[in-house]
């Protein structure tokens, strides 16, 4: 019973709802670089598990740094609830981070370099002295670099596409997307963030203004897919990228309307837009992989 309770606590510390996005991202963008299923799947497998560990470790580190905020916003999480100690959470973050690096090495030097770069940036979001979470817009950029650009480039790197132009075009659009969309998590955390000195956009400018700020980022990056194809930055033609971008932009439009209509979620719950954002993150690389496989 004790072992089962501990497993559940560490599973909750890893925040499982956030784990599918890096998996589908690395998987889908790697398949884009391969142009289909790889002849040797082991580097991709190592990269997927590495991304899983890196994200779990990042989530644990964020909860260690945000313990006072979580006592207000998320008292049910393992650290404020007392099911995991701060020391144990730090140990979990360290072990999973090292595991991510070790597996990243087996995934290939290009992917390993991506992990080496993104892990410190992710840590800077949570930990002092940087703790960019406290700083408006810089917080968005800090999240967008590893979770947007970094995940795309890491996936392409696994398949040998680190220097391909389309990888950086798609990575740049992903950065632009996450820069705005990452604020969706802040609408449900206003009380705790305000109490602990984090000046998020909903706190600084009000929920309504922040919702209008986020809304275009949920739509425009995907609407630019066919534009990038039209100028020759993406292969496959305008029609295919228009269909993919249009579908993803439609999800973003629904999310934007929900956010503007009701900026504040139910107490203690993420905004519904947050779930739609993760749907976009999962679908974009998988659909793009299918497109590249058909070329």
C-alpha atoms as a PDB file:
ATOM      1  CA  UNK A   1       0.000   0.000   0.000  1.00  0.00           C
ATOM      2  CA  UNK A   2       2.849   2.382   0.906  1.00  0.00           C
ATOM      3  CA  UNK A   3       4.638   1.680  -2.381  1.00  0.00           C
ATOM      4  CA  UNK A   4       1.445   2.262  -4.371  1.00  0.00           C
ATOM      5  CA  UNK A   5       0.827   5.557  -2.565  1.00  0.00           C
ATOM      6  CA  UNK A   6       4.404   6.676  -3.287  1.00  0.00           C
ATOM      7  CA  UNK A   7       4.058   5.799  -6.974  1.00  0.00           C
ATOM      8  CA  UNK A   8       0.843   7.787  -7.176  1.00  0.00           C
ATOM      9  CA  UNK A   9       2.473  10.769  -5.459  1.00  0.00           C
ATOM     10  CA  UNK A  10       5.469  10.834  -7.811  1.00  0.00           C
ATOM     11  CA  UNK A  11       3.177  10.320 -10.786  1.00  0.00           C
ATOM     12  CA  UNK A  12       1.204  13.380  -9.670  1.00  0.00           C
ATOM     13  CA  UNK A  13       4.477  15.303  -9.171  1.00  0.00           C
ATOM     14  CA  UNK A  14       5.358  14.613 -12.805  1.00  0.00           C
ATOM     15  CA  UNK A  15       2.014  16.199 -13.833  1.00  0.00           C
ATOM     16  CA  UNK A  16       0.893  13.496 -16.293  1.00  0.00           C
ATOM     17  CA  UNK A  17      -1.518  15.784 -18.151  1.00  0.00           C
ATOM     18  CA  UNK A  18       1.473  17.698 -19.539  1.00  0.00           C
ATOM     19  CA  UNK A  19       3.489  14.642 -20.635  1.00  0.00           C
ATOM     20  CA  UNK A  20       1.787  13.665 -23.926  1.00  0.00           C
ATOM     21  CA  UNK A  21       2.675  16.999 -25.606  1.00  0.00           C
ATOM     22  CA  UNK A  22       6.483  16.546 -25.589  1.00  0.00           C
ATOM     23  CA  UNK A  23       6.082  12.915 -26.624  1.00  0.00           C
ATOM     24  CA  UNK A  24       3.896  13.681 -29.635  1.00  0.00           C
ATOM     25  CA  UNK A  25       6.092  16.670 -30.468  1.00  0.00           C
ATOM     26  CA  UNK A  26       9.397  14.797 -30.559  1.00  0.00           C
ATOM     27  CA  UNK A  27       7.751  11.784 -32.210  1.00  0.00           C
ATOM     28  CA  UNK A  28       5.923  13.742 -34.905  1.00  0.00           C
ATOM     29  CA  UNK A  29       8.727  16.146 -35.809  1.00  0.00           C
ATOM     30  CA  UNK A  30      11.250  13.299 -35.888  1.00  0.00           C
ATOM     31  CA  UNK A  31       9.039  11.450 -38.366  1.00  0.00           C
ATOM     32  CA  UNK A  32       8.915  14.639 -40.430  1.00  0.00           C
ATOM     33  CA  UNK A  33      12.711  14.593 -40.631  1.00  0.00           C
ATOM     34  CA  UNK A  34      12.803  10.872 -41.407  1.00  0.00           C
ATOM     35  CA  UNK A  35      10.028  11.192 -43.991  1.00  0.00           C
ATOM     36  CA  UNK A  36       8.317   8.158 -42.496  1.00  0.00           C
ATOM     37  CA  UNK A  37       9.074   5.395 -40.020  1.00  0.00           C
ATOM     38  CA  UNK A  38      12.830   5.143 -39.305  1.00  0.00           C
ATOM     39  CA  UNK A  39      14.780   2.043 -40.245  1.00  0.00           C
ATOM     40  CA  UNK A  40      16.397   2.128 -36.793  1.00  0.00           C
ATOM     41  CA  UNK A  41      13.788   3.170 -34.193  1.00  0.00           C
ATOM     42  CA  UNK A  42      16.101   3.084 -31.163  1.00  0.00           C
ATOM     43  CA  UNK A  43      17.390   6.693 -31.328  1.00  0.00           C
ATOM     44  CA  UNK A  44      13.795   7.884 -31.570  1.00  0.00           C
ATOM     45  CA  UNK A  45      12.782   5.661 -28.643  1.00  0.00           C
ATOM     46  CA  UNK A  46      15.626   7.064 -26.529  1.00  0.00           C
ATOM     47  CA  UNK A  47      14.619  10.607 -27.461  1.00  0.00           C
ATOM     48  CA  UNK A  48      10.995   9.994 -26.501  1.00  0.00           C
ATOM     49  CA  UNK A  49      11.883   8.665 -23.066  1.00  0.00           C
ATOM     50  CA  UNK A  50      14.401  11.499 -22.658  1.00  0.00           C
ATOM     51  CA  UNK A  51      11.707  14.078 -23.445  1.00  0.00           C
ATOM     52  CA  UNK A  52       9.399  12.365 -20.958  1.00  0.00           C
ATOM     53  CA  UNK A  53      12.001  12.527 -18.185  1.00  0.00           C
ATOM     54  CA  UNK A  54      12.989  16.101 -19.037  1.00  0.00           C
ATOM     55  CA  UNK A  55       9.388  17.273 -18.801  1.00  0.00           C
ATOM     56  CA  UNK A  56       8.669  15.351 -15.597  1.00  0.00           C
ATOM     57  CA  UNK A  57      11.813  16.773 -14.009  1.00  0.00           C
ATOM     58  CA  UNK A  58      10.950  20.288 -15.135  1.00  0.00           C
ATOM     59  CA  UNK A  59       7.451  19.947 -13.672  1.00  0.00           C
ATOM     60  CA  UNK A  60       8.845  18.752 -10.347  1.00  0.00           C
ATOM     61  CA  UNK A  61      11.365  21.588 -10.235  1.00  0.00           C
ATOM     62  CA  UNK A  62       8.613  24.101 -10.937  1.00  0.00           C
ATOM     63  CA  UNK A  63       6.581  22.752  -8.015  1.00  0.00           C
ATOM     64  CA  UNK A  64       9.591  22.956  -5.703  1.00  0.00           C
ATOM     65  CA  UNK A  65      10.060  26.609  -6.632  1.00  0.00           C
ATOM     66  CA  UNK A  66       6.316  27.345  -6.511  1.00  0.00           C
ATOM     67  CA  UNK A  67       5.494  25.721  -3.202  1.00  0.00           C
ATOM     68  CA  UNK A  68       4.114  28.930  -1.672  1.00  0.00           C
ATOM     69  CA  UNK A  69       2.058  29.643  -4.782  1.00  0.00           C
ATOM     70  CA  UNK A  70       0.733  26.086  -4.860  1.00  0.00           C
ATOM     71  CA  UNK A  71      -0.335  26.284  -1.210  1.00  0.00           C
ATOM     72  CA  UNK A  72      -2.896  28.807  -2.465  1.00  0.00           C
ATOM     73  CA  UNK A  73      -3.628  27.722  -6.038  1.00  0.00           C
ATOM     74  CA  UNK A  74      -3.023  23.953  -5.981  1.00  0.00           C
ATOM     75  CA  UNK A  75      -3.050  22.692  -2.365  1.00  0.00           C
ATOM     76  CA  UNK A  76      -3.839  19.187  -3.628  1.00  0.00           C
ATOM     77  CA  UNK A  77      -0.449  18.848  -5.340  1.00  0.00           C
ATOM     78  CA  UNK A  78       2.006  16.437  -3.677  1.00  0.00           C
ATOM     79  CA  UNK A  79       4.348  18.972  -2.036  1.00  0.00           C
ATOM     80  CA  UNK A  80       1.792  21.283  -0.371  1.00  0.00           C
ATOM     81  CA  UNK A  81      -0.384  18.254   0.434  1.00  0.00           C
ATOM     82  CA  UNK A  82       2.578  16.701   2.273  1.00  0.00           C
ATOM     83  CA  UNK A  83       2.713  13.437   0.314  1.00  0.00           C
ATOM     84  CA  UNK A  84       6.184  14.303  -1.042  1.00  0.00           C
ATOM     85  CA  UNK A  85       8.841  16.341   0.774  1.00  0.00           C
ATOM     86  CA  UNK A  86      10.780  19.172  -0.817  1.00  0.00           C
ATOM     87  CA  UNK A  87      13.952  17.102  -0.534  1.00  0.00           C
ATOM     88  CA  UNK A  88      12.368  14.136  -2.303  1.00  0.00           C
ATOM     89  CA  UNK A  89      10.954  16.373  -5.039  1.00  0.00           C
ATOM     90  CA  UNK A  90      14.383  17.938  -5.629  1.00  0.00           C
ATOM     91  CA  UNK A  91      15.913  14.456  -5.806  1.00  0.00           C
ATOM     92  CA  UNK A  92      13.251  13.362  -8.307  1.00  0.00           C
ATOM     93  CA  UNK A  93      13.921  16.425 -10.466  1.00  0.00           C
ATOM     94  CA  UNK A  94      17.680  15.803 -10.419  1.00  0.00           C
ATOM     95  CA  UNK A  95      17.401  12.101 -11.246  1.00  0.00           C
ATOM     96  CA  UNK A  96      14.933  12.622 -14.093  1.00  0.00           C
ATOM     97  CA  UNK A  97      17.043  15.475 -15.481  1.00  0.00           C
ATOM     98  CA  UNK A  98      20.181  13.321 -15.501  1.00  0.00           C
ATOM     99  CA  UNK A  99      18.226  10.455 -17.062  1.00  0.00           C
ATOM    100  CA  UNK A 100      17.006  12.824 -19.786  1.00  0.00           C
ATOM    101  CA  UNK A 101      20.606  13.799 -20.565  1.00  0.00           C
ATOM    102  CA  UNK A 102      21.852  10.197 -20.573  1.00  0.00           C
ATOM    103  CA  UNK A 103      19.095   9.015 -22.877  1.00  0.00           C
ATOM    104  CA  UNK A 104      19.579  12.122 -24.996  1.00  0.00           C
ATOM    105  CA  UNK A 105      23.140  11.035 -25.662  1.00  0.00           C
ATOM    106  CA  UNK A 106      21.901   7.686 -27.002  1.00  0.00           C
ATOM    107  CA  UNK A 107      19.402   9.556 -29.187  1.00  0.00           C
ATOM    108  CA  UNK A 108      22.266  11.280 -31.000  1.00  0.00           C
ATOM    109  CA  UNK A 109      24.584  14.228 -30.552  1.00  0.00           C
ATOM    110  CA  UNK A 110      22.214  16.697 -32.243  1.00  0.00           C
ATOM    111  CA  UNK A 111      19.330  15.807 -29.928  1.00  0.00           C
ATOM    112  CA  UNK A 112      21.691  15.786 -26.929  1.00  0.00           C
ATOM    113  CA  UNK A 113      22.762  19.352 -27.714  1.00  0.00           C
ATOM    114  CA  UNK A 114      19.114  20.404 -27.835  1.00  0.00           C
ATOM    115  CA  UNK A 115      18.527  18.937 -24.372  1.00  0.00           C
ATOM    116  CA  UNK A 116      21.715  20.542 -23.008  1.00  0.00           C
ATOM    117  CA  UNK A 117      20.445  23.938 -24.158  1.00  0.00           C
ATOM    118  CA  UNK A 118      16.785  23.624 -23.149  1.00  0.00           C
ATOM    119  CA  UNK A 119      17.130  22.209 -19.606  1.00  0.00           C
ATOM    120  CA  UNK A 120      18.887  25.318 -18.163  1.00  0.00           C
ATOM    121  CA  UNK A 121      16.385  27.621 -19.895  1.00  0.00           C
ATOM    122  CA  UNK A 122      13.515  25.661 -18.377  1.00  0.00           C
ATOM    123  CA  UNK A 123      15.154  25.862 -14.954  1.00  0.00           C
ATOM    124  CA  UNK A 124      15.596  29.648 -15.331  1.00  0.00           C
ATOM    125  CA  UNK A 125      11.820  30.004 -15.521  1.00  0.00           C
ATOM    126  CA  UNK A 126      11.378  28.579 -12.010  1.00  0.00           C
ATOM    127  CA  UNK A 127      14.573  29.123 -10.047  1.00  0.00           C
ATOM    128  CA  UNK A 128      16.207  32.246  -8.628  1.00  0.00           C
ATOM    129  CA  UNK A 129      18.136  34.342  -9.324  1.00  0.00           C
ATOM    130  CA  UNK A 130      16.591  34.385 -12.803  1.00  0.00           C
ATOM    131  CA  UNK A 131      13.078  33.111 -11.980  1.00  0.00           C
ATOM    132  CA  UNK A 132      11.735  34.667 -15.153  1.00  0.00           C
ATOM    133  CA  UNK A 133       8.221  33.602 -14.146  1.00  0.00           C
ATOM    134  CA  UNK A 134       8.075  36.871 -12.193  1.00  0.00           C
ATOM    135  CA  UNK A 135       8.745  39.035 -15.261  1.00  0.00           C
ATOM    136  CA  UNK A 136       5.974  39.809 -17.792  1.00  0.00           C
ATOM    137  CA  UNK A 137       6.681  38.698 -21.382  1.00  0.00           C
ATOM    138  CA  UNK A 138      10.122  37.326 -20.451  1.00  0.00           C
ATOM    139  CA  UNK A 139       8.251  34.487 -18.735  1.00  0.00           C
ATOM    140  CA  UNK A 140       6.427  33.781 -22.002  1.00  0.00           C
ATOM    141  CA  UNK A 141       9.680  33.809 -23.973  1.00  0.00           C
ATOM    142  CA  UNK A 142      11.350  31.473 -21.468  1.00  0.00           C
ATOM    143  CA  UNK A 143       8.553  28.921 -21.830  1.00  0.00           C
ATOM    144  CA  UNK A 144       8.331  29.302 -25.617  1.00  0.00           C
ATOM    145  CA  UNK A 145      12.019  28.573 -26.188  1.00  0.00           C
ATOM    146  CA  UNK A 146      12.150  24.997 -24.824  1.00  0.00           C
ATOM    147  CA  UNK A 147       8.467  24.043 -25.182  1.00  0.00           C
ATOM    148  CA  UNK A 148       7.947  25.598 -28.614  1.00  0.00           C
ATOM    149  CA  UNK A 149      11.145  26.002 -30.620  1.00  0.00           C
ATOM    150  CA  UNK A 150      13.130  23.485 -28.574  1.00  0.00           C
ATOM    151  CA  UNK A 151      10.734  20.564 -28.904  1.00  0.00           C
ATOM    152  CA  UNK A 152      10.367  21.045 -32.655  1.00  0.00           C
ATOM    153  CA  UNK A 153      14.100  21.315 -33.288  1.00  0.00           C
ATOM    154  CA  UNK A 154      14.832  18.398 -30.951  1.00  0.00           C
ATOM    155  CA  UNK A 155      12.421  16.193 -32.877  1.00  0.00           C
ATOM    156  CA  UNK A 156      13.915  17.156 -36.220  1.00  0.00           C
ATOM    157  CA  UNK A 157      17.406  16.636 -34.778  1.00  0.00           C
ATOM    158  CA  UNK A 158      16.622  12.985 -33.988  1.00  0.00           C
ATOM    159  CA  UNK A 159      15.880  12.385 -37.660  1.00  0.00           C
ATOM    160  CA  UNK A 160      18.975  14.214 -38.867  1.00  0.00           C
ATOM    161  CA  UNK A 161      17.127  17.395 -39.766  1.00  0.00           C
ATOM    162  CA  UNK A 162      18.740  19.854 -37.362  1.00  0.00           C
ATOM    163  CA  UNK A 163      19.820  22.214 -40.134  1.00  0.00           C
ATOM    164  CA  UNK A 164      16.863  21.839 -42.462  1.00  0.00           C
ATOM    165  CA  UNK A 165      15.134  25.158 -43.130  1.00  0.00           C
ATOM    166  CA  UNK A 166      11.618  23.791 -42.623  1.00  0.00           C
ATOM    167  CA  UNK A 167      12.550  22.654 -39.097  1.00  0.00           C
ATOM    168  CA  UNK A 168      13.413  26.216 -38.097  1.00  0.00           C
ATOM    169  CA  UNK A 169      10.382  27.687 -39.860  1.00  0.00           C
ATOM    170  CA  UNK A 170       8.049  25.316 -38.009  1.00  0.00           C
ATOM    171  CA  UNK A 171      10.040  25.804 -34.809  1.00  0.00           C
ATOM    172  CA  UNK A 172       9.778  29.567 -35.137  1.00  0.00           C
ATOM    173  CA  UNK A 173       6.018  29.368 -35.588  1.00  0.00           C
ATOM    174  CA  UNK A 174       5.818  27.061 -32.561  1.00  0.00           C
ATOM    175  CA  UNK A 175       7.813  29.602 -30.522  1.00  0.00           C
ATOM    176  CA  UNK A 176       5.418  32.360 -31.594  1.00  0.00           C
ATOM    177  CA  UNK A 177       2.457  30.173 -30.676  1.00  0.00           C
ATOM    178  CA  UNK A 178       3.722  29.210 -27.192  1.00  0.00           C
ATOM    179  CA  UNK A 179       4.805  32.790 -26.478  1.00  0.00           C
ATOM    180  CA  UNK A 180       1.152  33.805 -26.396  1.00  0.00           C
ATOM    181  CA  UNK A 181      -0.585  30.537 -25.565  1.00  0.00           C
ATOM    182  CA  UNK A 182       1.503  29.887 -22.438  1.00  0.00           C
ATOM    183  CA  UNK A 183      -0.401  32.679 -20.670  1.00  0.00           C
ATOM    184  CA  UNK A 184      -3.522  30.465 -20.644  1.00  0.00           C
ATOM    185  CA  UNK A 185      -2.185  28.743 -17.511  1.00  0.00           C
ATOM    186  CA  UNK A 186      -1.993  32.073 -15.667  1.00  0.00           C
ATOM    187  CA  UNK A 187      -5.721  32.806 -15.648  1.00  0.00           C
ATOM    188  CA  UNK A 188      -6.392  30.130 -13.052  1.00  0.00           C
ATOM    189  CA  UNK A 189      -3.399  31.061 -10.882  1.00  0.00           C
ATOM    190  CA  UNK A 190      -4.023  34.744 -10.246  1.00  0.00           C
ATOM    191  CA  UNK A 191      -4.548  34.535  -6.492  1.00  0.00           C
ATOM    192  CA  UNK A 192      -1.379  32.604  -5.695  1.00  0.00           C
ATOM    193  CA  UNK A 193       0.785  34.404  -8.254  1.00  0.00           C
ATOM    194  CA  UNK A 194      -0.288  37.778  -6.905  1.00  0.00           C
ATOM    195  CA  UNK A 195       0.442  36.733  -3.336  1.00  0.00           C
ATOM    196  CA  UNK A 196       3.967  35.553  -4.227  1.00  0.00           C
ATOM    197  CA  UNK A 197       5.015  38.458  -6.440  1.00  0.00           C
ATOM    198  CA  UNK A 198       4.656  36.928  -9.925  1.00  0.00           C
ATOM    199  CA  UNK A 199       3.475  39.660 -12.284  1.00  0.00           C
ATOM    200  CA  UNK A 200       1.707  37.583 -14.909  1.00  0.00           C
ATOM    201  CA  UNK A 201      -0.211  39.286 -17.701  1.00  0.00           C
ATOM    202  CA  UNK A 202      -3.684  38.711 -16.171  1.00  0.00           C
ATOM    203  CA  UNK A 203      -2.422  40.335 -12.959  1.00  0.00           C
ATOM    204  CA  UNK A 204      -0.580  43.187 -14.634  1.00  0.00           C
ATOM    205  CA  UNK A 205      -3.188  44.157 -17.232  1.00  0.00           C
ATOM    206  CA  UNK A 206      -6.346  42.374 -16.073  1.00  0.00           C
ATOM    207  CA  UNK A 207      -7.906  39.112 -17.307  1.00  0.00           C
ATOM    208  CA  UNK A 208      -9.893  40.730 -20.135  1.00  0.00           C
ATOM    209  CA  UNK A 209      -6.903  42.470 -21.718  1.00  0.00           C
ATOM    210  CA  UNK A 210      -4.752  39.368 -21.261  1.00  0.00           C
ATOM    211  CA  UNK A 211      -7.391  37.238 -23.010  1.00  0.00           C
ATOM    212  CA  UNK A 212      -7.372  39.565 -26.021  1.00  0.00           C
ATOM    213  CA  UNK A 213      -3.574  39.436 -26.025  1.00  0.00           C
ATOM    214  CA  UNK A 214      -3.515  35.624 -26.076  1.00  0.00           C
ATOM    215  CA  UNK A 215      -6.276  35.121 -28.659  1.00  0.00           C
ATOM    216  CA  UNK A 216      -4.312  35.945 -31.861  1.00  0.00           C
ATOM    217  CA  UNK A 217      -1.466  33.621 -30.873  1.00  0.00           C
ATOM    218  CA  UNK A 218      -3.891  30.687 -30.804  1.00  0.00           C
ATOM    219  CA  UNK A 219      -4.779  31.214 -34.468  1.00  0.00           C
ATOM    220  CA  UNK A 220      -2.145  33.150 -36.439  1.00  0.00           C
ATOM    221  CA  UNK A 221       0.832  30.718 -36.239  1.00  0.00           C
ATOM    222  CA  UNK A 222      -1.199  27.954 -37.882  1.00  0.00           C
ATOM    223  CA  UNK A 223      -2.775  30.314 -40.395  1.00  0.00           C
ATOM    224  CA  UNK A 224       0.790  31.091 -41.503  1.00  0.00           C
ATOM    225  CA  UNK A 225       1.463  27.469 -42.515  1.00  0.00           C
ATOM    226  CA  UNK A 226       0.153  27.911 -46.079  1.00  0.00           C
ATOM    227  CA  UNK A 227       1.892  31.298 -46.328  1.00  0.00           C
ATOM    228  CA  UNK A 228       5.211  29.635 -45.506  1.00  0.00           C
ATOM    229  CA  UNK A 229       4.464  26.963 -48.114  1.00  0.00           C
ATOM    230  CA  UNK A 230       3.577  29.606 -50.712  1.00  0.00           C
ATOM    231  CA  UNK A 231       6.964  31.324 -50.373  1.00  0.00           C
ATOM    232  CA  UNK A 232       8.796  27.995 -50.572  1.00  0.00           C
ATOM    233  CA  UNK A 233       9.756  27.583 -46.911  1.00  0.00           C
ATOM    234  CA  UNK A 234       7.682  24.411 -46.478  1.00  0.00           C
ATOM    235  CA  UNK A 235       7.465  21.558 -49.002  1.00  0.00           C
ATOM    236  CA  UNK A 236       4.212  19.944 -50.013  1.00  0.00           C
ATOM    237  CA  UNK A 237       2.213  22.792 -51.492  1.00  0.00           C
ATOM    238  CA  UNK A 238      -0.199  25.406 -50.246  1.00  0.00           C
ATOM    239  CA  UNK A 239      -3.275  23.150 -50.332  1.00  0.00           C
ATOM    240  CA  UNK A 240      -1.919  20.547 -47.907  1.00  0.00           C
ATOM    241  CA  UNK A 241      -0.499  23.092 -45.490  1.00  0.00           C
ATOM    242  CA  UNK A 242      -3.640  25.179 -45.820  1.00  0.00           C
ATOM    243  CA  UNK A 243      -5.775  22.215 -44.756  1.00  0.00           C
ATOM    244  CA  UNK A 244      -3.493  21.422 -41.814  1.00  0.00           C
ATOM    245  CA  UNK A 245      -3.125  25.038 -40.750  1.00  0.00           C
ATOM    246  CA  UNK A 246      -6.828  25.701 -41.180  1.00  0.00           C
ATOM    247  CA  UNK A 247      -7.807  22.790 -38.969  1.00  0.00           C
ATOM    248  CA  UNK A 248      -5.424  23.798 -36.205  1.00  0.00           C
ATOM    249  CA  UNK A 249      -6.388  27.465 -36.496  1.00  0.00           C
ATOM    250  CA  UNK A 250     -10.048  26.459 -36.126  1.00  0.00           C
ATOM    251  CA  UNK A 251      -9.274  24.798 -32.790  1.00  0.00           C
ATOM    252  CA  UNK A 252      -7.414  27.951 -31.805  1.00  0.00           C
ATOM    253  CA  UNK A 253     -10.359  30.118 -32.786  1.00  0.00           C
ATOM    254  CA  UNK A 254     -12.685  28.117 -30.534  1.00  0.00           C
ATOM    255  CA  UNK A 255     -10.152  28.409 -27.718  1.00  0.00           C
ATOM    256  CA  UNK A 256      -9.808  32.167 -28.279  1.00  0.00           C
ATOM    257  CA  UNK A 257     -13.581  32.713 -28.174  1.00  0.00           C
ATOM    258  CA  UNK A 258     -13.878  30.718 -24.939  1.00  0.00           C
ATOM    259  CA  UNK A 259     -11.046  32.686 -23.385  1.00  0.00           C
ATOM    260  CA  UNK A 260     -12.396  36.099 -24.342  1.00  0.00           C
ATOM    261  CA  UNK A 261     -15.933  35.192 -23.335  1.00  0.00           C
ATOM    262  CA  UNK A 262     -14.926  33.865 -19.890  1.00  0.00           C
ATOM    263  CA  UNK A 263     -11.332  34.773 -19.005  1.00  0.00           C
ATOM    264  CA  UNK A 264     -11.456  33.366 -15.471  1.00  0.00           C
ATOM    265  CA  UNK A 265     -11.904  29.595 -15.025  1.00  0.00           C
ATOM    266  CA  UNK A 266     -13.537  27.865 -12.097  1.00  0.00           C
ATOM    267  CA  UNK A 267     -11.443  28.187  -8.907  1.00  0.00           C
ATOM    268  CA  UNK A 268      -8.673  25.611  -8.758  1.00  0.00           C
ATOM    269  CA  UNK A 269      -9.155  24.502 -12.377  1.00  0.00           C
ATOM    270  CA  UNK A 270      -7.185  25.288 -15.560  1.00  0.00           C
ATOM    271  CA  UNK A 271      -8.989  27.335 -18.176  1.00  0.00           C
ATOM    272  CA  UNK A 272     -10.683  25.174 -20.873  1.00  0.00           C
ATOM    273  CA  UNK A 273      -8.433  26.928 -23.399  1.00  0.00           C
ATOM    274  CA  UNK A 274      -5.476  25.196 -21.758  1.00  0.00           C
ATOM    275  CA  UNK A 275      -6.826  21.808 -22.843  1.00  0.00           C
ATOM    276  CA  UNK A 276      -7.441  22.992 -26.402  1.00  0.00           C
ATOM    277  CA  UNK A 277      -3.911  24.388 -26.491  1.00  0.00           C
ATOM    278  CA  UNK A 278      -2.539  20.956 -25.621  1.00  0.00           C
ATOM    279  CA  UNK A 279      -4.719  19.423 -28.339  1.00  0.00           C
ATOM    280  CA  UNK A 280      -3.095  21.765 -30.863  1.00  0.00           C
ATOM    281  CA  UNK A 281       0.365  20.869 -29.544  1.00  0.00           C
ATOM    282  CA  UNK A 282      -0.363  17.158 -29.984  1.00  0.00           C
ATOM    283  CA  UNK A 283      -2.048  17.355 -33.386  1.00  0.00           C
ATOM    284  CA  UNK A 284       0.373  19.713 -35.160  1.00  0.00           C
ATOM    285  CA  UNK A 285       3.430  17.385 -35.260  1.00  0.00           C
ATOM    286  CA  UNK A 286       1.408  14.223 -35.904  1.00  0.00           C
ATOM    287  CA  UNK A 287      -0.484  15.732 -38.834  1.00  0.00           C
ATOM    288  CA  UNK A 288       2.706  17.307 -40.183  1.00  0.00           C
ATOM    289  CA  UNK A 289       4.399  13.881 -40.018  1.00  0.00           C
ATOM    290  CA  UNK A 290       1.624  12.393 -42.150  1.00  0.00           C
ATOM    291  CA  UNK A 291       2.080  15.248 -44.630  1.00  0.00           C
ATOM    292  CA  UNK A 292       5.852  14.779 -44.890  1.00  0.00           C
ATOM    293  CA  UNK A 293       5.444  11.003 -45.260  1.00  0.00           C
ATOM    294  CA  UNK A 294       3.239  11.613 -48.320  1.00  0.00           C
ATOM    295  CA  UNK A 295       5.819  13.763 -50.124  1.00  0.00           C
END
